[in-house]
Amino acid sequence: ADSPQTTAAIRRHCLVLKSAFSLHMLRLASAARRFSTSAGKSQKISVNGVGIHVVTSGKTPLPALLCIPGGLGTAETDFDPQLRGLADAFQVVSYDPRGYGQSRPPVRDFPVDFYQRDADDAAAVMRALGHSTYAVMGWSDGAIAAVKLAATNKHAVDKLIIFGGNAYMGPDDAEAFEAMRDISRWSKRLRETHLQVYGDDLQPMWSSATNAWLAIIKAGGDVCMEQARSIACPTLVLHGAKDPLCLPEHPDWFAKNIPNATLHVFPDGKHNIHLKYAEQVNDMVRDFAGRR
C-alpha cells in the first residue's frame, strides 16, 4: 500500500491538476467570448478524411508559422494574439483540431496514438495550403503534437517553439486523470461551459481521453521523448515558472534532450504565457522563427 506521504502527495497532485485544468478550460471559454471578431481568414480544408477549420493571417509570400492548439482548444481561443500580432512577419496558420470547435463532425475520439494523428493532420493542413517548409509553435497538448510533427516531417519543419507540454507521464498523472474522469466531479461552471459546446458527447469524449493517457502510462509513459531526441531543427522551449499543469522538469528535459534547443523561462508565467505575455512572446517568435 502507498505510504501516507505518497497518498498525500498524490492528493495534492490531483487537486493542483484539477484546479489548473478548470482554470485553463474557463480561460478558453472566456477567450472565445472575448474574441468575437475573426483574427484572420477562415476556411474548411478536407484532410485525412475530415473537415478541418483553418484560420490564416498574413500574406503567403511571408514565411509560414503553424500554431497548434492545446486540449479542447481552437485557433482563435488559443492563438488569437499570434494570428493578429505576427501577421506582419509570417503567414500565421492555426486550426481547430479534429473533433474540437468548428472541426466537428467528427466527434473527438482518442486512440492511443492521437497525438501523432494530430501531428499528421497538421502536416496535411500545411500541405493543402501549399507550404513546403514552415515553423511550428505548439502549446500544451499542441506542444506534444508539435514535437511529433517536427520529428516525422524533418524536411518541412525548420523551427520549433514549444511550451506547456509533457515529455512523459507517470503514476501520479494516472491518479490525477482518474480523479478527473467523471465530469460530474468537475466544477458546475466548468461542466456547464463544455456541455454547451459538446453536449452528450462530453463524458464519453473525456473518458476516451483518460483511457488514452492511461494506456500511454501503462506502456511506459513515453509521450514524445523518443521523437524529441530525433528533432533536427532549432528549437525554442518556453516555460512559465508558476505553471501548475506543466512541471519544470518537462521543459528542462526538452532543453537537455532536443539537439540545438534553447530554454527561456518566464519567472511569473503560468500555463498561458503566450497570452499573458503576448507581445514579448511574439517578439521572441519573430526573432527566432523569422531568421532563415
C-alpha atoms as a PDB file:
ATOM      1  CA  ALA A   1       0.000   0.000   0.000  1.00  0.00           C
ATOM      2  CA  ASP A   2       1.082   3.574  -0.558  1.00  0.00           C
ATOM      3  CA  SER A   3       2.601   5.393   2.410  1.00  0.00           C
ATOM      4  CA  PRO A   4       0.633   8.296   3.934  1.00  0.00           C
ATOM      5  CA  GLN A   5       3.216  10.645   2.454  1.00  0.00           C
ATOM      6  CA  THR A   6       2.742   9.175  -1.038  1.00  0.00           C
ATOM      7  CA  THR A   7      -1.045   9.283  -0.728  1.00  0.00           C
ATOM      8  CA  ALA A   8      -0.928  12.899   0.403  1.00  0.00           C
ATOM      9  CA  ALA A   9       1.378  13.785  -2.479  1.00  0.00           C
ATOM     10  CA  ILE A  10      -0.989  12.150  -4.958  1.00  0.00           C
ATOM     11  CA  ARG A  11      -3.945  14.036  -3.496  1.00  0.00           C
ATOM     12  CA  ARG A  12      -2.066  17.314  -3.740  1.00  0.00           C
ATOM     13  CA  HIS A  13      -1.104  16.486  -7.315  1.00  0.00           C
ATOM     14  CA  CYS A  14      -4.722  15.706  -8.206  1.00  0.00           C
ATOM     15  CA  LEU A  15      -6.002  18.878  -6.557  1.00  0.00           C
ATOM     16  CA  VAL A  16      -3.452  21.059  -8.308  1.00  0.00           C
ATOM     17  CA  LEU A  17      -4.093  19.425 -11.674  1.00  0.00           C
ATOM     18  CA  LYS A  18      -7.869  19.634 -11.252  1.00  0.00           C
ATOM     19  CA  SER A  19      -7.753  23.300 -10.259  1.00  0.00           C
ATOM     20  CA  ALA A  20      -5.326  24.207 -13.016  1.00  0.00           C
ATOM     21  CA  PHE A  21      -7.335  22.276 -15.587  1.00  0.00           C
ATOM     22  CA  SER A  22     -10.502  24.097 -14.551  1.00  0.00           C
ATOM     23  CA  LEU A  23      -8.806  27.489 -14.861  1.00  0.00           C
ATOM     24  CA  HIS A  24      -7.359  26.516 -18.238  1.00  0.00           C
ATOM     25  CA  MET A  25     -10.728  25.419 -19.611  1.00  0.00           C
ATOM     26  CA  LEU A  26     -12.507  28.504 -18.297  1.00  0.00           C
ATOM     27  CA  ARG A  27      -9.805  30.664 -19.862  1.00  0.00           C
ATOM     28  CA  LEU A  28     -10.568  29.075 -23.208  1.00  0.00           C
ATOM     29  CA  ALA A  29     -14.271  29.724 -22.760  1.00  0.00           C
ATOM     30  CA  SER A  30     -13.782  33.369 -21.793  1.00  0.00           C
ATOM     31  CA  ALA A  31     -11.351  33.839 -24.669  1.00  0.00           C
ATOM     32  CA  ALA A  32     -13.914  32.506 -27.095  1.00  0.00           C
ATOM     33  CA  ARG A  33     -16.392  35.140 -25.931  1.00  0.00           C
ATOM     34  CA  ARG A  34     -13.781  37.918 -25.900  1.00  0.00           C
ATOM     35  CA  PHE A  35     -12.555  37.344 -29.453  1.00  0.00           C
ATOM     36  CA  SER A  36     -15.860  37.967 -31.169  1.00  0.00           C
ATOM     37  CA  THR A  37     -14.323  39.047 -34.465  1.00  0.00           C
ATOM     38  CA  SER A  38     -12.209  36.757 -36.579  1.00  0.00           C
ATOM     39  CA  ALA A  39      -8.455  37.096 -36.316  1.00  0.00           C
ATOM     40  CA  GLY A  40      -7.988  36.139 -39.954  1.00  0.00           C
ATOM     41  CA  LYS A  41      -9.400  34.293 -42.936  1.00  0.00           C
ATOM     42  CA  SER A  42     -11.362  31.154 -42.061  1.00  0.00           C
ATOM     43  CA  GLN A  43     -11.834  28.153 -44.324  1.00  0.00           C
ATOM     44  CA  LYS A  44     -12.649  24.454 -44.112  1.00  0.00           C
ATOM     45  CA  ILE A  45      -9.995  22.099 -45.522  1.00  0.00           C
ATOM     46  CA  SER A  46     -10.519  18.376 -46.013  1.00  0.00           C
ATOM     47  CA  VAL A  47      -7.540  16.353 -44.774  1.00  0.00           C
ATOM     48  CA  ASN A  48      -7.199  12.714 -43.813  1.00  0.00           C
ATOM     49  CA  GLY A  49     -10.918  12.162 -44.244  1.00  0.00           C
ATOM     50  CA  VAL A  50     -12.146  15.009 -42.012  1.00  0.00           C
ATOM     51  CA  GLY A  51     -13.008  18.678 -42.458  1.00  0.00           C
ATOM     52  CA  ILE A  52     -10.609  20.925 -40.520  1.00  0.00           C
ATOM     53  CA  HIS A  53     -11.479  24.533 -39.670  1.00  0.00           C
ATOM     54  CA  VAL A  54      -8.397  26.622 -40.508  1.00  0.00           C
ATOM     55  CA  VAL A  55      -7.651  30.284 -39.760  1.00  0.00           C
ATOM     56  CA  THR A  56      -4.849  32.170 -41.527  1.00  0.00           C
ATOM     57  CA  SER A  57      -3.474  35.701 -41.287  1.00  0.00           C
ATOM     58  CA  GLY A  58      -0.645  37.444 -43.116  1.00  0.00           C
ATOM     59  CA  LYS A  59       0.390  37.183 -46.743  1.00  0.00           C
ATOM     60  CA  THR A  60       1.506  33.976 -48.456  1.00  0.00           C
ATOM     61  CA  PRO A  61       4.943  35.306 -49.566  1.00  0.00           C
ATOM     62  CA  LEU A  62       5.875  35.533 -45.873  1.00  0.00           C
ATOM     63  CA  PRO A  63       7.379  32.524 -44.078  1.00  0.00           C
ATOM     64  CA  ALA A  64       4.724  30.229 -42.635  1.00  0.00           C
ATOM     65  CA  LEU A  65       4.131  29.717 -38.901  1.00  0.00           C
ATOM     66  CA  LEU A  66       1.809  26.911 -37.812  1.00  0.00           C
ATOM     67  CA  CYS A  67       0.243  27.253 -34.325  1.00  0.00           C
ATOM     68  CA  ILE A  68      -1.140  24.029 -32.790  1.00  0.00           C
ATOM     69  CA  PRO A  69      -3.787  24.486 -30.045  1.00  0.00           C
ATOM     70  CA  GLY A  70      -3.973  22.636 -26.746  1.00  0.00           C
ATOM     71  CA  GLY A  71      -6.598  20.208 -25.463  1.00  0.00           C
ATOM     72  CA  LEU A  72     -10.192  21.297 -26.268  1.00  0.00           C
ATOM     73  CA  GLY A  73      -8.647  24.429 -27.800  1.00  0.00           C
ATOM     74  CA  THR A  74      -9.233  26.166 -31.102  1.00  0.00           C
ATOM     75  CA  ALA A  75      -7.307  28.510 -33.375  1.00  0.00           C
ATOM     76  CA  GLU A  76      -8.874  31.686 -32.048  1.00  0.00           C
ATOM     77  CA  THR A  77      -9.164  30.783 -28.351  1.00  0.00           C
ATOM     78  CA  ASP A  78      -5.560  29.602 -28.166  1.00  0.00           C
ATOM     79  CA  PHE A  79      -3.664  31.759 -30.676  1.00  0.00           C
ATOM     80  CA  ASP A  80      -5.607  34.961 -31.294  1.00  0.00           C
ATOM     81  CA  PRO A  81      -2.674  37.210 -30.205  1.00  0.00           C
ATOM     82  CA  GLN A  82      -0.363  35.388 -32.611  1.00  0.00           C
ATOM     83  CA  LEU A  83      -2.823  35.431 -35.509  1.00  0.00           C
ATOM     84  CA  ARG A  84      -3.215  39.173 -35.005  1.00  0.00           C
ATOM     85  CA  GLY A  85       0.259  40.143 -33.815  1.00  0.00           C
ATOM     86  CA  LEU A  86       2.551  38.120 -36.076  1.00  0.00           C
ATOM     87  CA  ALA A  87       0.823  38.666 -39.418  1.00  0.00           C
ATOM     88  CA  ASP A  88       3.452  41.287 -40.297  1.00  0.00           C
ATOM     89  CA  ALA A  89       6.226  38.679 -40.269  1.00  0.00           C
ATOM     90  CA  PHE A  90       4.547  35.364 -41.122  1.00  0.00           C
ATOM     91  CA  GLN A  91       1.599  33.759 -42.745  1.00  0.00           C
ATOM     92  CA  VAL A  92       0.225  32.524 -39.434  1.00  0.00           C
ATOM     93  CA  VAL A  93      -1.815  29.326 -39.657  1.00  0.00           C
ATOM     94  CA  SER A  94      -3.867  27.790 -36.865  1.00  0.00           C
ATOM     95  CA  TYR A  95      -6.794  25.396 -36.813  1.00  0.00           C
ATOM     96  CA  ASP A  96      -9.349  23.582 -34.684  1.00  0.00           C
ATOM     97  CA  PRO A  97      -8.034  20.016 -34.272  1.00  0.00           C
ATOM     98  CA  ARG A  98     -10.399  17.280 -35.400  1.00  0.00           C
ATOM     99  CA  GLY A  99     -13.376  16.949 -33.090  1.00  0.00           C
ATOM    100  CA  TYR A 100     -12.784  20.370 -31.449  1.00  0.00           C
ATOM    101  CA  GLY A 101     -14.506  23.692 -32.096  1.00  0.00           C
ATOM    102  CA  GLN A 102     -15.623  24.046 -35.695  1.00  0.00           C
ATOM    103  CA  SER A 103     -13.823  20.873 -36.849  1.00  0.00           C
ATOM    104  CA  ARG A 104     -16.900  18.821 -35.944  1.00  0.00           C
ATOM    105  CA  PRO A 105     -18.082  16.376 -37.028  1.00  0.00           C
ATOM    106  CA  PRO A 106     -16.461  14.009 -36.283  1.00  0.00           C
ATOM    107  CA  VAL A 107     -16.926  13.579 -32.554  1.00  0.00           C
ATOM    108  CA  ARG A 108     -13.474  13.801 -30.996  1.00  0.00           C
ATOM    109  CA  ASP A 109     -12.018  10.407 -30.097  1.00  0.00           C
ATOM    110  CA  PHE A 110      -8.689   9.480 -28.529  1.00  0.00           C
ATOM    111  CA  PRO A 111      -6.918   6.431 -29.907  1.00  0.00           C
ATOM    112  CA  VAL A 112      -3.662   5.810 -28.074  1.00  0.00           C
ATOM    113  CA  ASP A 113      -1.758   7.482 -30.918  1.00  0.00           C
ATOM    114  CA  PHE A 114      -3.965  10.587 -31.038  1.00  0.00           C
ATOM    115  CA  TYR A 115      -1.014  12.962 -30.607  1.00  0.00           C
ATOM    116  CA  GLN A 116       0.569  11.534 -33.739  1.00  0.00           C
ATOM    117  CA  ARG A 117      -2.760  11.734 -35.540  1.00  0.00           C
ATOM    118  CA  ASP A 118      -2.972  15.425 -34.609  1.00  0.00           C
ATOM    119  CA  ALA A 119       0.559  15.899 -35.957  1.00  0.00           C
ATOM    120  CA  ASP A 120      -0.368  14.145 -39.196  1.00  0.00           C
ATOM    121  CA  ASP A 121      -3.474  16.319 -39.586  1.00  0.00           C
ATOM    122  CA  ALA A 122      -1.359  19.444 -39.037  1.00  0.00           C
ATOM    123  CA  ALA A 123       1.136  18.369 -41.698  1.00  0.00           C
ATOM    124  CA  ALA A 124      -1.723  17.687 -44.114  1.00  0.00           C
ATOM    125  CA  VAL A 125      -3.204  21.146 -43.492  1.00  0.00           C
ATOM    126  CA  MET A 126       0.120  22.783 -44.336  1.00  0.00           C
ATOM    127  CA  ARG A 127       0.496  20.696 -47.497  1.00  0.00           C
ATOM    128  CA  ALA A 128      -3.032  21.658 -48.549  1.00  0.00           C
ATOM    129  CA  LEU A 129      -2.133  25.338 -48.090  1.00  0.00           C
ATOM    130  CA  GLY A 130       0.947  24.878 -50.253  1.00  0.00           C
ATOM    131  CA  HIS A 131       3.620  25.267 -47.562  1.00  0.00           C
ATOM    132  CA  SER A 132       6.640  23.013 -48.104  1.00  0.00           C
ATOM    133  CA  THR A 133       8.606  24.475 -45.160  1.00  0.00           C
ATOM    134  CA  TYR A 134       7.360  26.214 -42.042  1.00  0.00           C
ATOM    135  CA  ALA A 135       7.941  26.923 -38.369  1.00  0.00           C
ATOM    136  CA  VAL A 136       5.742  25.265 -35.739  1.00  0.00           C
ATOM    137  CA  MET A 137       4.510  26.648 -32.434  1.00  0.00           C
ATOM    138  CA  GLY A 138       2.697  24.282 -30.048  1.00  0.00           C
ATOM    139  CA  TRP A 139       1.030  24.828 -26.680  1.00  0.00           C
ATOM    140  CA  SER A 140       0.138  22.201 -24.044  1.00  0.00           C
ATOM    141  CA  ASP A 141      -1.213  19.115 -25.881  1.00  0.00           C
ATOM    142  CA  GLY A 142      -0.332  21.019 -29.044  1.00  0.00           C
ATOM    143  CA  ALA A 143       3.315  21.106 -27.946  1.00  0.00           C
ATOM    144  CA  ILE A 144       3.334  17.303 -27.883  1.00  0.00           C
ATOM    145  CA  ALA A 145       1.807  17.155 -31.363  1.00  0.00           C
ATOM    146  CA  ALA A 146       4.357  19.763 -32.500  1.00  0.00           C
ATOM    147  CA  VAL A 147       7.260  17.608 -31.285  1.00  0.00           C
ATOM    148  CA  LYS A 148       5.889  14.621 -33.183  1.00  0.00           C
ATOM    149  CA  LEU A 149       5.301  16.777 -36.269  1.00  0.00           C
ATOM    150  CA  ALA A 150       8.887  18.073 -36.238  1.00  0.00           C
ATOM    151  CA  ALA A 151      10.272  14.567 -35.732  1.00  0.00           C
ATOM    152  CA  THR A 152       8.290  12.972 -38.554  1.00  0.00           C
ATOM    153  CA  ASN A 153       8.496  15.867 -41.038  1.00  0.00           C
ATOM    154  CA  LYS A 154      12.117  16.988 -40.760  1.00  0.00           C
ATOM    155  CA  HIS A 155      12.115  18.163 -44.368  1.00  0.00           C
ATOM    156  CA  ALA A 156       9.258  20.577 -43.667  1.00  0.00           C
ATOM    157  CA  VAL A 157       9.680  21.903 -40.106  1.00  0.00           C
ATOM    158  CA  ASP A 158      12.604  24.344 -39.948  1.00  0.00           C
ATOM    159  CA  LYS A 159      11.957  25.914 -36.499  1.00  0.00           C
ATOM    160  CA  LEU A 160      10.076  24.644 -33.441  1.00  0.00           C
ATOM    161  CA  ILE A 161       8.644  26.576 -30.458  1.00  0.00           C
ATOM    162  CA  ILE A 162       7.006  24.575 -27.651  1.00  0.00           C
ATOM    163  CA  PHE A 163       5.618  25.313 -24.186  1.00  0.00           C
ATOM    164  CA  GLY A 164       3.268  23.733 -21.666  1.00  0.00           C
ATOM    165  CA  GLY A 165       3.652  20.138 -22.897  1.00  0.00           C
ATOM    166  CA  ASN A 166       4.795  16.976 -21.147  1.00  0.00           C
ATOM    167  CA  ALA A 167       7.585  14.724 -22.377  1.00  0.00           C
ATOM    168  CA  TYR A 168       6.361  11.794 -20.299  1.00  0.00           C
ATOM    169  CA  MET A 169       3.674  10.697 -17.817  1.00  0.00           C
ATOM    170  CA  GLY A 170       3.824   8.625 -14.651  1.00  0.00           C
ATOM    171  CA  PRO A 171       1.766   7.077 -11.845  1.00  0.00           C
ATOM    172  CA  ASP A 172       0.911  10.424 -10.238  1.00  0.00           C
ATOM    173  CA  ASP A 173      -0.524  11.576 -13.552  1.00  0.00           C
ATOM    174  CA  ALA A 174      -2.623   8.396 -13.752  1.00  0.00           C
ATOM    175  CA  GLU A 175      -4.158   9.168 -10.356  1.00  0.00           C
ATOM    176  CA  ALA A 176      -4.922  12.721 -11.432  1.00  0.00           C
ATOM    177  CA  PHE A 177      -6.522  11.607 -14.704  1.00  0.00           C
ATOM    178  CA  GLU A 178      -8.736   9.109 -12.889  1.00  0.00           C
ATOM    179  CA  ALA A 179      -9.774  11.832 -10.435  1.00  0.00           C
ATOM    180  CA  MET A 180     -10.984  13.934 -13.381  1.00  0.00           C
ATOM    181  CA  ARG A 181     -12.611  11.115 -15.406  1.00  0.00           C
ATOM    182  CA  ASP A 182     -16.191  11.685 -14.220  1.00  0.00           C
ATOM    183  CA  ILE A 183     -17.348  15.108 -15.379  1.00  0.00           C
ATOM    184  CA  SER A 184     -19.871  15.215 -12.525  1.00  0.00           C
ATOM    185  CA  ARG A 185     -16.846  15.860 -10.293  1.00  0.00           C
ATOM    186  CA  TRP A 186     -15.891  18.964 -12.285  1.00  0.00           C
ATOM    187  CA  SER A 187     -16.969  22.366 -11.056  1.00  0.00           C
ATOM    188  CA  LYS A 188     -20.501  23.283 -12.116  1.00  0.00           C
ATOM    189  CA  ARG A 189     -19.256  26.218 -14.181  1.00  0.00           C
ATOM    190  CA  LEU A 190     -16.631  24.153 -15.978  1.00  0.00           C
ATOM    191  CA  ARG A 191     -19.039  21.306 -16.696  1.00  0.00           C
ATOM    192  CA  GLU A 192     -21.825  23.548 -17.986  1.00  0.00           C
ATOM    193  CA  THR A 193     -19.420  25.548 -20.157  1.00  0.00           C
ATOM    194  CA  HIS A 194     -18.345  22.445 -22.039  1.00  0.00           C
ATOM    195  CA  LEU A 195     -21.740  20.760 -22.095  1.00  0.00           C
ATOM    196  CA  GLN A 196     -22.938  23.805 -24.054  1.00  0.00           C
ATOM    197  CA  VAL A 197     -20.310  23.040 -26.697  1.00  0.00           C
ATOM    198  CA  TYR A 198     -20.115  19.242 -26.728  1.00  0.00           C
ATOM    199  CA  GLY A 199     -23.432  18.136 -25.179  1.00  0.00           C
ATOM    200  CA  ASP A 200     -23.824  14.424 -24.559  1.00  0.00           C
ATOM    201  CA  ASP A 201     -20.510  13.786 -26.330  1.00  0.00           C
ATOM    202  CA  LEU A 202     -18.528  15.365 -23.481  1.00  0.00           C
ATOM    203  CA  GLN A 203     -18.447  12.468 -20.994  1.00  0.00           C
ATOM    204  CA  PRO A 204     -17.574   9.714 -23.491  1.00  0.00           C
ATOM    205  CA  MET A 205     -15.063  12.035 -25.159  1.00  0.00           C
ATOM    206  CA  TRP A 206     -13.348  12.791 -21.862  1.00  0.00           C
ATOM    207  CA  SER A 207     -13.397   9.141 -20.786  1.00  0.00           C
ATOM    208  CA  SER A 208     -11.753   8.242 -24.095  1.00  0.00           C
ATOM    209  CA  ALA A 209      -9.017  10.817 -23.468  1.00  0.00           C
ATOM    210  CA  THR A 210      -8.446   9.442 -19.968  1.00  0.00           C
ATOM    211  CA  ASN A 211      -8.184   5.905 -21.334  1.00  0.00           C
ATOM    212  CA  ALA A 212      -5.619   7.019 -23.901  1.00  0.00           C
ATOM    213  CA  TRP A 213      -3.463   8.742 -21.274  1.00  0.00           C
ATOM    214  CA  LEU A 214      -3.640   5.690 -19.012  1.00  0.00           C
ATOM    215  CA  ALA A 215      -2.640   3.459 -21.932  1.00  0.00           C
ATOM    216  CA  ILE A 216       0.396   5.672 -22.591  1.00  0.00           C
ATOM    217  CA  ILE A 217       1.374   5.407 -18.917  1.00  0.00           C
ATOM    218  CA  LYS A 218       0.862   1.620 -18.905  1.00  0.00           C
ATOM    219  CA  ALA A 219       3.133   1.328 -21.953  1.00  0.00           C
ATOM    220  CA  GLY A 220       5.935   3.115 -20.098  1.00  0.00           C
ATOM    221  CA  GLY A 221       4.864   6.753 -20.087  1.00  0.00           C
ATOM    222  CA  ASP A 222       6.821   7.956 -23.118  1.00  0.00           C
ATOM    223  CA  VAL A 223       4.643  10.719 -24.533  1.00  0.00           C
ATOM    224  CA  CYS A 224       7.148  12.118 -27.045  1.00  0.00           C
ATOM    225  CA  MET A 225      10.650  11.504 -25.644  1.00  0.00           C
ATOM    226  CA  GLU A 226      11.845   9.267 -28.460  1.00  0.00           C
ATOM    227  CA  GLN A 227      10.652  11.702 -31.125  1.00  0.00           C
ATOM    228  CA  ALA A 228      12.079  14.711 -29.281  1.00  0.00           C
ATOM    229  CA  ARG A 229      15.589  13.249 -29.295  1.00  0.00           C
ATOM    230  CA  SER A 230      15.437  12.945 -33.087  1.00  0.00           C
ATOM    231  CA  ILE A 231      14.411  16.541 -33.879  1.00  0.00           C
ATOM    232  CA  ALA A 232      16.784  18.191 -36.330  1.00  0.00           C
ATOM    233  CA  CYS A 233      15.623  21.824 -36.388  1.00  0.00           C
ATOM    234  CA  PRO A 234      16.497  24.617 -33.931  1.00  0.00           C
ATOM    235  CA  THR A 235      14.039  24.576 -31.037  1.00  0.00           C
ATOM    236  CA  LEU A 236      12.912  27.238 -28.575  1.00  0.00           C
ATOM    237  CA  VAL A 237      11.452  25.864 -25.335  1.00  0.00           C
ATOM    238  CA  LEU A 238       9.400  28.357 -23.302  1.00  0.00           C
ATOM    239  CA  HIS A 239       8.096  27.852 -19.772  1.00  0.00           C
ATOM    240  CA  GLY A 240       6.150  29.708 -17.115  1.00  0.00           C
ATOM    241  CA  ALA A 241       7.844  29.064 -13.774  1.00  0.00           C
ATOM    242  CA  LYS A 242       4.470  29.104 -11.997  1.00  0.00           C
ATOM    243  CA  ASP A 243       2.749  26.756 -14.462  1.00  0.00           C
ATOM    244  CA  PRO A 244       0.706  24.303 -12.319  1.00  0.00           C
ATOM    245  CA  LEU A 245      -0.040  21.994 -15.264  1.00  0.00           C
ATOM    246  CA  CYS A 246       3.440  21.563 -16.695  1.00  0.00           C
ATOM    247  CA  LEU A 247       6.125  20.981 -14.071  1.00  0.00           C
ATOM    248  CA  PRO A 248       9.600  22.468 -14.740  1.00  0.00           C
ATOM    249  CA  GLU A 249      11.091  19.002 -15.203  1.00  0.00           C
ATOM    250  CA  HIS A 250       9.438  18.826 -18.626  1.00  0.00           C
ATOM    251  CA  PRO A 251      10.878  21.980 -20.263  1.00  0.00           C
ATOM    252  CA  ASP A 252      14.205  21.115 -18.616  1.00  0.00           C
ATOM    253  CA  TRP A 253      14.048  17.654 -20.186  1.00  0.00           C
ATOM    254  CA  PHE A 254      13.192  19.061 -23.616  1.00  0.00           C
ATOM    255  CA  ALA A 255      16.003  21.609 -23.437  1.00  0.00           C
ATOM    256  CA  LYS A 256      18.550  18.954 -22.482  1.00  0.00           C
ATOM    257  CA  ASN A 257      17.430  16.245 -24.909  1.00  0.00           C
ATOM    258  CA  ILE A 258      16.367  18.059 -28.076  1.00  0.00           C
ATOM    259  CA  PRO A 259      19.502  18.811 -30.101  1.00  0.00           C
ATOM    260  CA  ASN A 260      20.016  22.551 -30.636  1.00  0.00           C
ATOM    261  CA  ALA A 261      17.363  23.589 -28.111  1.00  0.00           C
ATOM    262  CA  THR A 262      17.244  26.796 -26.052  1.00  0.00           C
ATOM    263  CA  LEU A 263      15.168  27.311 -22.890  1.00  0.00           C
ATOM    264  CA  HIS A 264      13.609  30.597 -21.803  1.00  0.00           C
ATOM    265  CA  VAL A 265      11.681  30.823 -18.515  1.00  0.00           C
ATOM    266  CA  PHE A 266       9.136  33.499 -17.586  1.00  0.00           C
ATOM    267  CA  PRO A 267       9.565  33.797 -13.788  1.00  0.00           C
ATOM    268  CA  ASP A 268       5.966  34.837 -13.128  1.00  0.00           C
ATOM    269  CA  GLY A 269       4.416  32.963 -16.053  1.00  0.00           C
ATOM    270  CA  LYS A 270       1.788  30.241 -15.730  1.00  0.00           C
ATOM    271  CA  HIS A 271       0.341  27.934 -18.373  1.00  0.00           C
ATOM    272  CA  ASN A 272      -0.745  30.625 -20.842  1.00  0.00           C
ATOM    273  CA  ILE A 273       2.465  32.622 -21.263  1.00  0.00           C
ATOM    274  CA  HIS A 274       1.783  33.353 -24.953  1.00  0.00           C
ATOM    275  CA  LEU A 275      -1.492  35.038 -23.944  1.00  0.00           C
ATOM    276  CA  LYS A 276      -0.334  36.731 -20.749  1.00  0.00           C
ATOM    277  CA  TYR A 277       2.943  37.929 -22.301  1.00  0.00           C
ATOM    278  CA  ALA A 278       1.751  38.029 -25.907  1.00  0.00           C
ATOM    279  CA  GLU A 279       3.890  40.961 -27.042  1.00  0.00           C
ATOM    280  CA  GLN A 280       7.095  39.544 -25.533  1.00  0.00           C
ATOM    281  CA  VAL A 281       6.448  36.037 -26.821  1.00  0.00           C
ATOM    282  CA  ASN A 282       5.585  37.371 -30.269  1.00  0.00           C
ATOM    283  CA  ASP A 283       8.866  39.313 -30.364  1.00  0.00           C
ATOM    284  CA  MET A 284      10.766  36.168 -29.420  1.00  0.00           C
ATOM    285  CA  VAL A 285       8.971  34.130 -32.084  1.00  0.00           C
ATOM    286  CA  ARG A 286       9.550  36.843 -34.685  1.00  0.00           C
ATOM    287  CA  ASP A 287      13.275  36.875 -33.906  1.00  0.00           C
ATOM    288  CA  PHE A 288      13.707  33.093 -33.592  1.00  0.00           C
ATOM    289  CA  ALA A 289      11.471  31.773 -36.368  1.00  0.00           C
ATOM    290  CA  GLY A 290      11.948  34.721 -38.688  1.00  0.00           C
ATOM    291  CA  ARG A 291      15.667  34.056 -39.097  1.00  0.00           C
ATOM    292  CA  ARG A 292      16.302  31.995 -42.202  1.00  0.00           C
END
